[in-house]
Amino acid sequence: MNAENTKAQMRKGVLEYCILAIIAGNEIYASDIIDKMKDAKLLVVEGTLYPLLTRLKNSGLLGYRWIESASGPPRKYYTLTDEGKEFLNELHITWEELVQSVNITTGKNSNL
């Protein structure tokens, strides 16, 4: 069994949660989301991000507006809708419960 495959699946499982959390901070451009994910060592590429943003928008969790750019075409900036904020809050709760359950199961202390 390949540990790299399992690690990749674990990262994919939290991708949506992390992206929503980044967008919750403030209005943000897609390439800035990619930069923040890279800073956190959660690598994501445009080919993964844009379909996910479209799916989240179509689900009513994201809104966007176009902002003119001095250096090229207008840019699409994303924000969470009220429904997106509620959904993210549910994910926060679920994440905390999951971390606690994994720590109990594996014998790890979350304070380490």
PDB file of N, CA and C in Angstrom:
ATOM      1  N   MET A   1       0.849  -1.184   0.000  1.00  0.00           N
ATOM      2  CA  MET A   1       0.000   0.000   0.000  1.00  0.00           C
ATOM      3  C   MET A   1       0.893   1.245   0.000  1.00  0.00           C
ATOM      4  N   ASN A   2       0.473   2.250  -0.727  1.00  0.00           N
ATOM      5  CA  ASN A   2       1.264   3.465  -0.896  1.00  0.00           C
ATOM      6  C   ASN A   2       0.753   4.562   0.035  1.00  0.00           C
ATOM      7  N   ALA A   3       1.589   4.991   0.976  1.00  0.00           N
ATOM      8  CA  ALA A   3       1.201   6.039   1.923  1.00  0.00           C
ATOM      9  C   ALA A   3       0.923   7.360   1.228  1.00  0.00           C
ATOM     10  N   GLU A   4       1.618   7.625   0.116  1.00  0.00           N
ATOM     11  CA  GLU A   4       1.405   8.885  -0.601  1.00  0.00           C
ATOM     12  C   GLU A   4      -0.026   8.995  -1.116  1.00  0.00           C
ATOM     13  N   ASN A   5      -0.600   7.895  -1.582  1.00  0.00           N
ATOM     14  CA  ASN A   5      -1.984   7.914  -2.049  1.00  0.00           C
ATOM     15  C   ASN A   5      -2.936   8.251  -0.910  1.00  0.00           C
ATOM     16  N   THR A   6      -2.722   7.656   0.242  1.00  0.00           N
ATOM     17  CA  THR A   6      -3.575   7.917   1.402  1.00  0.00           C
ATOM     18  C   THR A   6      -3.437   9.358   1.852  1.00  0.00           C
ATOM     19  N   LYS A   7      -2.214   9.872   1.878  1.00  0.00           N
ATOM     20  CA  LYS A   7      -2.011  11.268   2.275  1.00  0.00           C
ATOM     21  C   LYS A   7      -2.687  12.215   1.296  1.00  0.00           C
ATOM     22  N   ALA A   8      -2.619  11.921   0.004  1.00  0.00           N
ATOM     23  CA  ALA A   8      -3.270  12.763  -1.009  1.00  0.00           C
ATOM     24  C   ALA A   8      -4.786  12.756  -0.818  1.00  0.00           C
ATOM     25  N   GLN A   9      -5.349  11.602  -0.522  1.00  0.00           N
ATOM     26  CA  GLN A   9      -6.796  11.512  -0.290  1.00  0.00           C
ATOM     27  C   GLN A   9      -7.205  12.287   0.957  1.00  0.00           C
ATOM     28  N   MET A  10      -6.374  12.258   1.984  1.00  0.00           N
ATOM     29  CA  MET A  10      -6.665  13.023   3.205  1.00  0.00           C
ATOM     30  C   MET A  10      -6.683  14.519   2.893  1.00  0.00           C
ATOM     31  N   ARG A  11      -5.720  14.984   2.103  1.00  0.00           N
ATOM     32  CA  ARG A  11      -5.664  16.402   1.737  1.00  0.00           C
ATOM     33  C   ARG A  11      -6.875  16.789   0.897  1.00  0.00           C
ATOM     34  N   LYS A  12      -7.250  15.947  -0.042  1.00  0.00           N
ATOM     35  CA  LYS A  12      -8.420  16.226  -0.884  1.00  0.00           C
ATOM     36  C   LYS A  12      -9.680  16.327  -0.036  1.00  0.00           C
ATOM     37  N   GLY A  13      -9.752  15.533   1.016  1.00  0.00           N
ATOM     38  CA  GLY A  13     -10.928  15.519   1.874  1.00  0.00           C
ATOM     39  C   GLY A  13     -11.157  16.821   2.619  1.00  0.00           C
ATOM     40  N   VAL A  14     -10.099  17.583   2.861  1.00  0.00           N
ATOM     41  CA  VAL A  14     -10.246  18.840   3.597  1.00  0.00           C
ATOM     42  C   VAL A  14     -10.125  20.069   2.695  1.00  0.00           C
ATOM     43  N   LEU A  15      -9.958  19.853   1.409  1.00  0.00           N
ATOM     44  CA  LEU A  15      -9.747  20.946   0.471  1.00  0.00           C
ATOM     45  C   LEU A  15     -10.903  21.947   0.472  1.00  0.00           C
ATOM     46  N   GLU A  16     -12.121  21.469   0.347  1.00  0.00           N
ATOM     47  CA  GLU A  16     -13.286  22.351   0.310  1.00  0.00           C
ATOM     48  C   GLU A  16     -13.381  23.173   1.595  1.00  0.00           C
ATOM     49  N   TYR A  17     -13.186  22.517   2.721  1.00  0.00           N
ATOM     50  CA  TYR A  17     -13.234  23.188   4.018  1.00  0.00           C
ATOM     51  C   TYR A  17     -12.194  24.313   4.082  1.00  0.00           C
ATOM     52  N   CYS A  18     -10.969  24.023   3.689  1.00  0.00           N
ATOM     53  CA  CYS A  18      -9.900  25.019   3.737  1.00  0.00           C
ATOM     54  C   CYS A  18     -10.173  26.190   2.797  1.00  0.00           C
ATOM     55  N   ILE A  19     -10.660  25.900   1.615  1.00  0.00           N
ATOM     56  CA  ILE A  19     -10.954  26.965   0.654  1.00  0.00           C
ATOM     57  C   ILE A  19     -12.068  27.865   1.169  1.00  0.00           C
ATOM     58  N   LEU A  20     -13.112  27.280   1.715  1.00  0.00           N
ATOM     59  CA  LEU A  20     -14.192  28.099   2.284  1.00  0.00           C
ATOM     60  C   LEU A  20     -13.675  28.956   3.436  1.00  0.00           C
ATOM     61  N   ALA A  21     -12.803  28.391   4.264  1.00  0.00           N
ATOM     62  CA  ALA A  21     -12.250  29.153   5.388  1.00  0.00           C
ATOM     63  C   ALA A  21     -11.405  30.325   4.899  1.00  0.00           C
ATOM     64  N   ILE A  22     -10.653  30.122   3.837  1.00  0.00           N
ATOM     65  CA  ILE A  22      -9.854  31.212   3.261  1.00  0.00           C
ATOM     66  C   ILE A  22     -10.766  32.312   2.741  1.00  0.00           C
ATOM     67  N   ILE A  23     -11.805  31.923   2.024  1.00  0.00           N
ATOM     68  CA  ILE A  23     -12.719  32.905   1.449  1.00  0.00           C
ATOM     69  C   ILE A  23     -13.482  33.647   2.544  1.00  0.00           C
ATOM     70  N   ALA A  24     -13.705  33.000   3.669  1.00  0.00           N
ATOM     71  CA  ALA A  24     -14.438  33.639   4.771  1.00  0.00           C
ATOM     72  C   ALA A  24     -13.706  34.852   5.316  1.00  0.00           C
ATOM     73  N   GLY A  25     -12.383  34.875   5.152  1.00  0.00           N
ATOM     74  CA  GLY A  25     -11.584  35.987   5.669  1.00  0.00           C
ATOM     75  C   GLY A  25     -11.958  37.313   5.043  1.00  0.00           C
ATOM     76  N   ASN A  26     -12.120  37.333   3.742  1.00  0.00           N
ATOM     77  CA  ASN A  26     -12.536  38.525   3.010  1.00  0.00           C
ATOM     78  C   ASN A  26     -12.650  38.187   1.528  1.00  0.00           C
ATOM     79  N   GLU A  27     -13.107  39.128   0.759  1.00  0.00           N
ATOM     80  CA  GLU A  27     -13.232  38.948  -0.677  1.00  0.00           C
ATOM     81  C   GLU A  27     -11.856  38.595  -1.243  1.00  0.00           C
ATOM     82  N   ILE A  28     -11.797  37.575  -2.105  1.00  0.00           N
ATOM     83  CA  ILE A  28     -10.486  37.087  -2.533  1.00  0.00           C
ATOM     84  C   ILE A  28     -10.520  36.593  -3.976  1.00  0.00           C
ATOM     85  N   TYR A  29      -9.419  36.795  -4.642  1.00  0.00           N
ATOM     86  CA  TYR A  29      -9.203  36.381  -6.029  1.00  0.00           C
ATOM     87  C   TYR A  29      -8.668  34.945  -6.033  1.00  0.00           C
ATOM     88  N   ALA A  30      -9.002  34.173  -7.051  1.00  0.00           N
ATOM     89  CA  ALA A  30      -8.641  32.750  -7.097  1.00  0.00           C
ATOM     90  C   ALA A  30      -7.139  32.512  -6.948  1.00  0.00           C
ATOM     91  N   SER A  31      -6.305  33.298  -7.599  1.00  0.00           N
ATOM     92  CA  SER A  31      -4.861  33.052  -7.492  1.00  0.00           C
ATOM     93  C   SER A  31      -4.361  33.322  -6.071  1.00  0.00           C
ATOM     94  N   ASP A  32      -5.040  34.206  -5.343  1.00  0.00           N
ATOM     95  CA  ASP A  32      -4.674  34.433  -3.940  1.00  0.00           C
ATOM     96  C   ASP A  32      -5.050  33.235  -3.070  1.00  0.00           C
ATOM     97  N   ILE A  33      -6.136  32.548  -3.433  1.00  0.00           N
ATOM     98  CA  ILE A  33      -6.508  31.317  -2.727  1.00  0.00           C
ATOM     99  C   ILE A  33      -5.408  30.279  -2.931  1.00  0.00           C
ATOM    100  N   ILE A  34      -4.959  30.139  -4.163  1.00  0.00           N
ATOM    101  CA  ILE A  34      -3.885  29.187  -4.466  1.00  0.00           C
ATOM    102  C   ILE A  34      -2.629  29.534  -3.668  1.00  0.00           C
ATOM    103  N   ASP A  35      -2.278  30.810  -3.590  1.00  0.00           N
ATOM    104  CA  ASP A  35      -1.096  31.227  -2.819  1.00  0.00           C
ATOM    105  C   ASP A  35      -1.238  30.865  -1.343  1.00  0.00           C
ATOM    106  N   LYS A  36      -2.396  31.118  -0.779  1.00  0.00           N
ATOM    107  CA  LYS A  36      -2.611  30.798   0.642  1.00  0.00           C
ATOM    108  C   LYS A  36      -2.547  29.293   0.881  1.00  0.00           C
ATOM    109  N   MET A  37      -3.080  28.529  -0.052  1.00  0.00           N
ATOM    110  CA  MET A  37      -3.017  27.081   0.085  1.00  0.00           C
ATOM    111  C   MET A  37      -1.563  26.608  -0.004  1.00  0.00           C
ATOM    112  N   LYS A  38      -0.787  27.179  -0.912  1.00  0.00           N
ATOM    113  CA  LYS A  38       0.628  26.822  -1.031  1.00  0.00           C
ATOM    114  C   LYS A  38       1.385  27.186   0.237  1.00  0.00           C
ATOM    115  N   ASP A  39       1.081  28.364   0.803  1.00  0.00           N
ATOM    116  CA  ASP A  39       1.733  28.781   2.050  1.00  0.00           C
ATOM    117  C   ASP A  39       1.476  27.771   3.167  1.00  0.00           C
ATOM    118  N   ALA A  40       0.305  27.149   3.133  1.00  0.00           N
ATOM    119  CA  ALA A  40      -0.061  26.158   4.151  1.00  0.00           C
ATOM    120  C   ALA A  40       0.397  24.747   3.765  1.00  0.00           C
ATOM    121  N   LYS A  41       1.129  24.647   2.652  1.00  0.00           N
ATOM    122  CA  LYS A  41       1.621  23.367   2.141  1.00  0.00           C
ATOM    123  C   LYS A  41       0.488  22.434   1.719  1.00  0.00           C
ATOM    124  N   LEU A  42      -0.639  23.028   1.335  1.00  0.00           N
ATOM    125  CA  LEU A  42      -1.753  22.290   0.739  1.00  0.00           C
ATOM    126  C   LEU A  42      -1.809  22.692  -0.725  1.00  0.00           C
ATOM    127  N   LEU A  43      -1.049  21.989  -1.528  1.00  0.00           N
ATOM    128  CA  LEU A  43      -0.914  22.365  -2.926  1.00  0.00           C
ATOM    129  C   LEU A  43      -2.214  22.128  -3.674  1.00  0.00           C
ATOM    130  N   VAL A  44      -2.625  23.133  -4.415  1.00  0.00           N
ATOM    131  CA  VAL A  44      -3.808  23.034  -5.251  1.00  0.00           C
ATOM    132  C   VAL A  44      -3.498  23.782  -6.545  1.00  0.00           C
ATOM    133  N   VAL A  45      -3.968  23.259  -7.645  1.00  0.00           N
ATOM    134  CA  VAL A  45      -3.720  23.872  -8.944  1.00  0.00           C
ATOM    135  C   VAL A  45      -5.023  24.447  -9.487  1.00  0.00           C
ATOM    136  N   GLU A  46      -4.893  25.320 -10.487  1.00  0.00           N
ATOM    137  CA  GLU A  46      -6.071  25.964 -11.071  1.00  0.00           C
ATOM    138  C   GLU A  46      -7.082  24.939 -11.578  1.00  0.00           C
ATOM    139  N   GLY A  47      -6.590  23.849 -12.153  1.00  0.00           N
ATOM    140  CA  GLY A  47      -7.477  22.819 -12.689  1.00  0.00           C
ATOM    141  C   GLY A  47      -8.316  22.135 -11.636  1.00  0.00           C
ATOM    142  N   THR A  48      -7.892  22.220 -10.389  1.00  0.00           N
ATOM    143  CA  THR A  48      -8.674  21.697  -9.269  1.00  0.00           C
ATOM    144  C   THR A  48      -9.533  22.794  -8.664  1.00  0.00           C
ATOM    145  N   LEU A  49      -8.967  23.987  -8.516  1.00  0.00           N
ATOM    146  CA  LEU A  49      -9.642  25.075  -7.818  1.00  0.00           C
ATOM    147  C   LEU A  49     -10.870  25.595  -8.563  1.00  0.00           C
ATOM    148  N   TYR A  50     -10.727  25.903  -9.839  1.00  0.00           N
ATOM    149  CA  TYR A  50     -11.833  26.548 -10.556  1.00  0.00           C
ATOM    150  C   TYR A  50     -13.100  25.686 -10.629  1.00  0.00           C
ATOM    151  N   PRO A  51     -12.999  24.391 -10.910  1.00  0.00           N
ATOM    152  CA  PRO A  51     -14.229  23.584 -10.872  1.00  0.00           C
ATOM    153  C   PRO A  51     -14.860  23.536  -9.474  1.00  0.00           C
ATOM    154  N   LEU A  52     -14.010  23.517  -8.443  1.00  0.00           N
ATOM    155  CA  LEU A  52     -14.526  23.513  -7.076  1.00  0.00           C
ATOM    156  C   LEU A  52     -15.227  24.832  -6.762  1.00  0.00           C
ATOM    157  N   LEU A  53     -14.631  25.954  -7.158  1.00  0.00           N
ATOM    158  CA  LEU A  53     -15.275  27.253  -6.938  1.00  0.00           C
ATOM    159  C   LEU A  53     -16.614  27.333  -7.682  1.00  0.00           C
ATOM    160  N   THR A  54     -16.654  26.814  -8.884  1.00  0.00           N
ATOM    161  CA  THR A  54     -17.900  26.812  -9.651  1.00  0.00           C
ATOM    162  C   THR A  54     -18.961  25.964  -8.960  1.00  0.00           C
ATOM    163  N   ARG A  55     -18.570  24.805  -8.474  1.00  0.00           N
ATOM    164  CA  ARG A  55     -19.521  23.930  -7.769  1.00  0.00           C
ATOM    165  C   ARG A  55     -20.040  24.599  -6.500  1.00  0.00           C
ATOM    166  N   LEU A  56     -19.157  25.242  -5.749  1.00  0.00           N
ATOM    167  CA  LEU A  56     -19.569  25.930  -4.523  1.00  0.00           C
ATOM    168  C   LEU A  56     -20.492  27.109  -4.835  1.00  0.00           C
ATOM    169  N   LYS A  57     -20.200  27.817  -5.935  1.00  0.00           N
ATOM    170  CA  LYS A  57     -21.053  28.923  -6.361  1.00  0.00           C
ATOM    171  C   LYS A  57     -22.423  28.404  -6.775  1.00  0.00           C
ATOM    172  N   ASN A  58     -22.445  27.338  -7.556  1.00  0.00           N
ATOM    173  CA  ASN A  58     -23.708  26.766  -8.012  1.00  0.00           C
ATOM    174  C   ASN A  58     -24.535  26.188  -6.865  1.00  0.00           C
ATOM    175  N   SER A  59     -23.865  25.836  -5.777  1.00  0.00           N
ATOM    176  CA  SER A  59     -24.558  25.324  -4.592  1.00  0.00           C
ATOM    177  C   SER A  59     -25.075  26.445  -3.700  1.00  0.00           C
ATOM    178  N   GLY A  60     -24.781  27.689  -4.075  1.00  0.00           N
ATOM    179  CA  GLY A  60     -25.252  28.828  -3.298  1.00  0.00           C
ATOM    180  C   GLY A  60     -24.370  29.207  -2.125  1.00  0.00           C
ATOM    181  N   LEU A  61     -23.169  28.627  -2.053  1.00  0.00           N
ATOM    182  CA  LEU A  61     -22.275  28.904  -0.923  1.00  0.00           C
ATOM    183  C   LEU A  61     -21.357  30.088  -1.182  1.00  0.00           C
ATOM    184  N   LEU A  62     -21.128  30.405  -2.450  1.00  0.00           N
ATOM    185  CA  LEU A  62     -20.242  31.506  -2.823  1.00  0.00           C
ATOM    186  C   LEU A  62     -20.968  32.500  -3.709  1.00  0.00           C
ATOM    187  N   GLY A  63     -20.550  33.736  -3.585  1.00  0.00           N
ATOM    188  CA  GLY A  63     -20.930  34.779  -4.515  1.00  0.00           C
ATOM    189  C   GLY A  63     -19.651  35.368  -5.069  1.00  0.00           C
ATOM    190  N   TYR A  64     -19.773  36.207  -6.060  1.00  0.00           N
ATOM    191  CA  TYR A  64     -18.582  36.843  -6.609  1.00  0.00           C
ATOM    192  C   TYR A  64     -18.963  38.171  -7.238  1.00  0.00           C
ATOM    193  N   ARG A  65     -17.944  38.982  -7.446  1.00  0.00           N
ATOM    194  CA  ARG A  65     -18.130  40.213  -8.210  1.00  0.00           C
ATOM    195  C   ARG A  65     -16.869  40.446  -9.024  1.00  0.00           C
ATOM    196  N   TRP A  66     -17.073  41.108 -10.148  1.00  0.00           N
ATOM    197  CA  TRP A  66     -15.965  41.435 -11.034  1.00  0.00           C
ATOM    198  C   TRP A  66     -15.371  42.769 -10.611  1.00  0.00           C
ATOM    199  N   ILE A  67     -14.049  42.821 -10.544  1.00  0.00           N
ATOM    200  CA  ILE A  67     -13.350  44.056 -10.196  1.00  0.00           C
ATOM    201  C   ILE A  67     -12.349  44.339 -11.312  1.00  0.00           C
ATOM    202  N   GLU A  68     -12.372  45.560 -11.807  1.00  0.00           N
ATOM    203  CA  GLU A  68     -11.447  45.955 -12.871  1.00  0.00           C
ATOM    204  C   GLU A  68     -10.013  45.840 -12.383  1.00  0.00           C
ATOM    205  N   SER A  69      -9.143  45.434 -13.294  1.00  0.00           N
ATOM    206  CA  SER A  69      -7.724  45.288 -12.986  1.00  0.00           C
ATOM    207  C   SER A  69      -6.932  46.276 -13.825  1.00  0.00           C
ATOM    208  N   ALA A  70      -5.952  46.914 -13.217  1.00  0.00           N
ATOM    209  CA  ALA A  70      -5.099  47.856 -13.942  1.00  0.00           C
ATOM    210  C   ALA A  70      -4.146  47.141 -14.895  1.00  0.00           C
ATOM    211  N   SER A  71      -3.939  45.841 -14.643  1.00  0.00           N
ATOM    212  CA  SER A  71      -2.940  45.127 -15.441  1.00  0.00           C
ATOM    213  C   SER A  71      -3.537  44.032 -16.326  1.00  0.00           C
ATOM    214  N   GLY A  72      -4.797  44.125 -16.648  1.00  0.00           N
ATOM    215  CA  GLY A  72      -5.381  43.094 -17.503  1.00  0.00           C
ATOM    216  C   GLY A  72      -6.894  43.090 -17.420  1.00  0.00           C
ATOM    217  N   PRO A  73      -7.492  41.951 -17.721  1.00  0.00           N
ATOM    218  CA  PRO A  73      -8.956  41.866 -17.705  1.00  0.00           C
ATOM    219  C   PRO A  73      -9.510  41.949 -16.282  1.00  0.00           C
ATOM    220  N   PRO A  74     -10.813  42.181 -16.149  1.00  0.00           N
ATOM    221  CA  PRO A  74     -11.421  42.210 -14.813  1.00  0.00           C
ATOM    222  C   PRO A  74     -11.188  40.879 -14.096  1.00  0.00           C
ATOM    223  N   ARG A  75     -11.160  40.949 -12.776  1.00  0.00           N
ATOM    224  CA  ARG A  75     -10.932  39.758 -11.956  1.00  0.00           C
ATOM    225  C   ARG A  75     -12.189  39.431 -11.160  1.00  0.00           C
ATOM    226  N   LYS A  76     -12.416  38.130 -11.001  1.00  0.00           N
ATOM    227  CA  LYS A  76     -13.559  37.655 -10.229  1.00  0.00           C
ATOM    228  C   LYS A  76     -13.112  37.439  -8.783  1.00  0.00           C
ATOM    229  N   TYR A  77     -13.741  38.162  -7.853  1.00  0.00           N
ATOM    230  CA  TYR A  77     -13.437  38.031  -6.431  1.00  0.00           C
ATOM    231  C   TYR A  77     -14.593  37.318  -5.744  1.00  0.00           C
ATOM    232  N   TYR A  78     -14.246  36.320  -4.943  1.00  0.00           N
ATOM    233  CA  TYR A  78     -15.235  35.454  -4.296  1.00  0.00           C
ATOM    234  C   TYR A  78     -15.484  35.870  -2.850  1.00  0.00           C
ATOM    235  N   THR A  79     -16.727  35.662  -2.420  1.00  0.00           N
ATOM    236  CA  THR A  79     -17.125  35.854  -1.021  1.00  0.00           C
ATOM    237  C   THR A  79     -18.071  34.717  -0.634  1.00  0.00           C
ATOM    238  N   LEU A  80     -18.210  34.509   0.662  1.00  0.00           N
ATOM    239  CA  LEU A  80     -19.189  33.541   1.148  1.00  0.00           C
ATOM    240  C   LEU A  80     -20.562  34.191   1.199  1.00  0.00           C
ATOM    241  N   THR A  81     -21.567  33.449   0.812  1.00  0.00           N
ATOM    242  CA  THR A  81     -22.946  33.892   1.006  1.00  0.00           C
ATOM    243  C   THR A  81     -23.321  33.589   2.459  1.00  0.00           C
ATOM    244  N   ASP A  82     -24.492  34.032   2.873  1.00  0.00           N
ATOM    245  CA  ASP A  82     -24.959  33.682   4.219  1.00  0.00           C
ATOM    246  C   ASP A  82     -25.061  32.170   4.374  1.00  0.00           C
ATOM    247  N   GLU A  83     -25.544  31.510   3.332  1.00  0.00           N
ATOM    248  CA  GLU A  83     -25.618  30.046   3.351  1.00  0.00           C
ATOM    249  C   GLU A  83     -24.218  29.442   3.446  1.00  0.00           C
ATOM    250  N   GLY A  84     -23.258  30.042   2.765  1.00  0.00           N
ATOM    251  CA  GLY A  84     -21.877  29.579   2.826  1.00  0.00           C
ATOM    252  C   GLY A  84     -21.283  29.732   4.221  1.00  0.00           C
ATOM    253  N   LYS A  85     -21.623  30.836   4.889  1.00  0.00           N
ATOM    254  CA  LYS A  85     -21.146  31.046   6.262  1.00  0.00           C
ATOM    255  C   LYS A  85     -21.714  29.997   7.203  1.00  0.00           C
ATOM    256  N   GLU A  86     -22.990  29.684   7.047  1.00  0.00           N
ATOM    257  CA  GLU A  86     -23.614  28.643   7.883  1.00  0.00           C
ATOM    258  C   GLU A  86     -22.978  27.281   7.601  1.00  0.00           C
ATOM    259  N   PHE A  87     -22.753  26.993   6.322  1.00  0.00           N
ATOM    260  CA  PHE A  87     -22.147  25.730   5.935  1.00  0.00           C
ATOM    261  C   PHE A  87     -20.732  25.615   6.518  1.00  0.00           C
ATOM    262  N   LEU A  88     -19.954  26.697   6.421  1.00  0.00           N
ATOM    263  CA  LEU A  88     -18.599  26.700   6.965  1.00  0.00           C
ATOM    264  C   LEU A  88     -18.627  26.483   8.471  1.00  0.00           C
ATOM    265  N   ASN A  89     -19.569  27.093   9.162  1.00  0.00           N
ATOM    266  CA  ASN A  89     -19.695  26.892  10.598  1.00  0.00           C
ATOM    267  C   ASN A  89     -19.951  25.422  10.921  1.00  0.00           C
ATOM    268  N   GLU A  90     -20.815  24.775  10.132  1.00  0.00           N
ATOM    269  CA  GLU A  90     -21.057  23.340  10.317  1.00  0.00           C
ATOM    270  C   GLU A  90     -19.780  22.540  10.090  1.00  0.00           C
ATOM    271  N   LEU A  91     -19.003  22.925   9.079  1.00  0.00           N
ATOM    272  CA  LEU A  91     -17.748  22.230   8.823  1.00  0.00           C
ATOM    273  C   LEU A  91     -16.745  22.429   9.955  1.00  0.00           C
ATOM    274  N   HIS A  92     -16.708  23.635  10.537  1.00  0.00           N
ATOM    275  CA  HIS A  92     -15.824  23.882  11.687  1.00  0.00           C
ATOM    276  C   HIS A  92     -16.159  22.912  12.819  1.00  0.00           C
ATOM    277  N   ILE A  93     -17.439  22.801  13.120  1.00  0.00           N
ATOM    278  CA  ILE A  93     -17.880  21.922  14.206  1.00  0.00           C
ATOM    279  C   ILE A  93     -17.520  20.475  13.891  1.00  0.00           C
ATOM    280  N   THR A  94     -17.806  20.057  12.673  1.00  0.00           N
ATOM    281  CA  THR A  94     -17.508  18.687  12.267  1.00  0.00           C
ATOM    282  C   THR A  94     -16.009  18.420  12.315  1.00  0.00           C
ATOM    283  N   TRP A  95     -15.203  19.399  11.877  1.00  0.00           N
ATOM    284  CA  TRP A  95     -13.756  19.232  11.905  1.00  0.00           C
ATOM    285  C   TRP A  95     -13.261  19.043  13.341  1.00  0.00           C
ATOM    286  N   GLU A  96     -13.735  19.865  14.256  1.00  0.00           N
ATOM    287  CA  GLU A  96     -13.308  19.746  15.651  1.00  0.00           C
ATOM    288  C   GLU A  96     -13.703  18.389  16.231  1.00  0.00           C
ATOM    289  N   GLU A  97     -14.899  17.931  15.917  1.00  0.00           N
ATOM    290  CA  GLU A  97     -15.342  16.611  16.381  1.00  0.00           C
ATOM    291  C   GLU A  97     -14.473  15.512  15.786  1.00  0.00           C
ATOM    292  N   LEU A  98     -14.137  15.645  14.504  1.00  0.00           N
ATOM    293  CA  LEU A  98     -13.308  14.647  13.829  1.00  0.00           C
ATOM    294  C   LEU A  98     -11.902  14.607  14.418  1.00  0.00           C
ATOM    295  N   VAL A  99     -11.311  15.774  14.636  1.00  0.00           N
ATOM    296  CA  VAL A  99      -9.969  15.833  15.235  1.00  0.00           C
ATOM    297  C   VAL A  99      -9.979  15.175  16.609  1.00  0.00           C
ATOM    298  N   GLN A 100     -10.989  15.482  17.405  1.00  0.00           N
ATOM    299  CA  GLN A 100     -11.087  14.894  18.737  1.00  0.00           C
ATOM    300  C   GLN A 100     -11.232  13.370  18.648  1.00  0.00           C
ATOM    301  N   SER A 101     -12.070  12.891  17.745  1.00  0.00           N
ATOM    302  CA  SER A 101     -12.276  11.453  17.589  1.00  0.00           C
ATOM    303  C   SER A 101     -11.000  10.754  17.128  1.00  0.00           C
ATOM    304  N   VAL A 102     -10.294  11.362  16.179  1.00  0.00           N
ATOM    305  CA  VAL A 102      -9.046  10.768  15.686  1.00  0.00           C
ATOM    306  C   VAL A 102      -8.009  10.756  16.800  1.00  0.00           C
ATOM    307  N   ASN A 103      -7.913  11.836  17.555  1.00  0.00           N
ATOM    308  CA  ASN A 103      -6.944  11.885  18.654  1.00  0.00           C
ATOM    309  C   ASN A 103      -7.246  10.829  19.703  1.00  0.00           C
ATOM    310  N   ILE A 104      -8.517  10.629  20.013  1.00  0.00           N
ATOM    311  CA  ILE A 104      -8.889   9.589  20.980  1.00  0.00           C
ATOM    312  C   ILE A 104      -8.549   8.213  20.424  1.00  0.00           C
ATOM    313  N   THR A 105      -8.903   7.992  19.175  1.00  0.00           N
ATOM    314  CA  THR A 105      -8.680   6.693  18.541  1.00  0.00           C
ATOM    315  C   THR A 105      -7.199   6.365  18.430  1.00  0.00           C
ATOM    316  N   THR A 106      -6.385   7.345  18.093  1.00  0.00           N
ATOM    317  CA  THR A 106      -4.960   7.094  17.895  1.00  0.00           C
ATOM    318  C   THR A 106      -4.126   7.297  19.156  1.00  0.00           C
ATOM    319  N   GLY A 107      -4.765   7.745  20.233  1.00  0.00           N
ATOM    320  CA  GLY A 107      -4.037   7.972  21.469  1.00  0.00           C
ATOM    321  C   GLY A 107      -3.206   9.239  21.461  1.00  0.00           C
ATOM    322  N   LYS A 108      -3.500  10.152  20.538  1.00  0.00           N
ATOM    323  CA  LYS A 108      -2.750  11.395  20.442  1.00  0.00           C
ATOM    324  C   LYS A 108      -3.444  12.475  21.248  1.00  0.00           C
ATOM    325  N   ASN A 109      -2.646  13.328  21.865  1.00  0.00           N
ATOM    326  CA  ASN A 109      -3.172  14.463  22.595  1.00  0.00           C
ATOM    327  C   ASN A 109      -3.170  15.650  21.641  1.00  0.00           C
ATOM    328  N   SER A 110      -4.310  16.309  21.473  1.00  0.00           N
ATOM    329  CA  SER A 110      -4.402  17.425  20.521  1.00  0.00           C
ATOM    330  C   SER A 110      -3.582  18.628  20.960  1.00  0.00           C
ATOM    331  N   ASN A 111      -3.092  18.638  22.195  1.00  0.00           N
ATOM    332  CA  ASN A 111      -2.287  19.766  22.669  1.00  0.00           C
ATOM    333  C   ASN A 111      -0.803  19.607  22.324  1.00  0.00           C
ATOM    334  N   LEU A 112      -0.416  18.497  21.714  1.00  0.00           N
ATOM    335  CA  LEU A 112       0.999  18.288  21.382  1.00  0.00           C
ATOM    336  C   LEU A 112       1.369  19.032  20.139  1.00  0.00           C
TER     337      LEU A 112
END
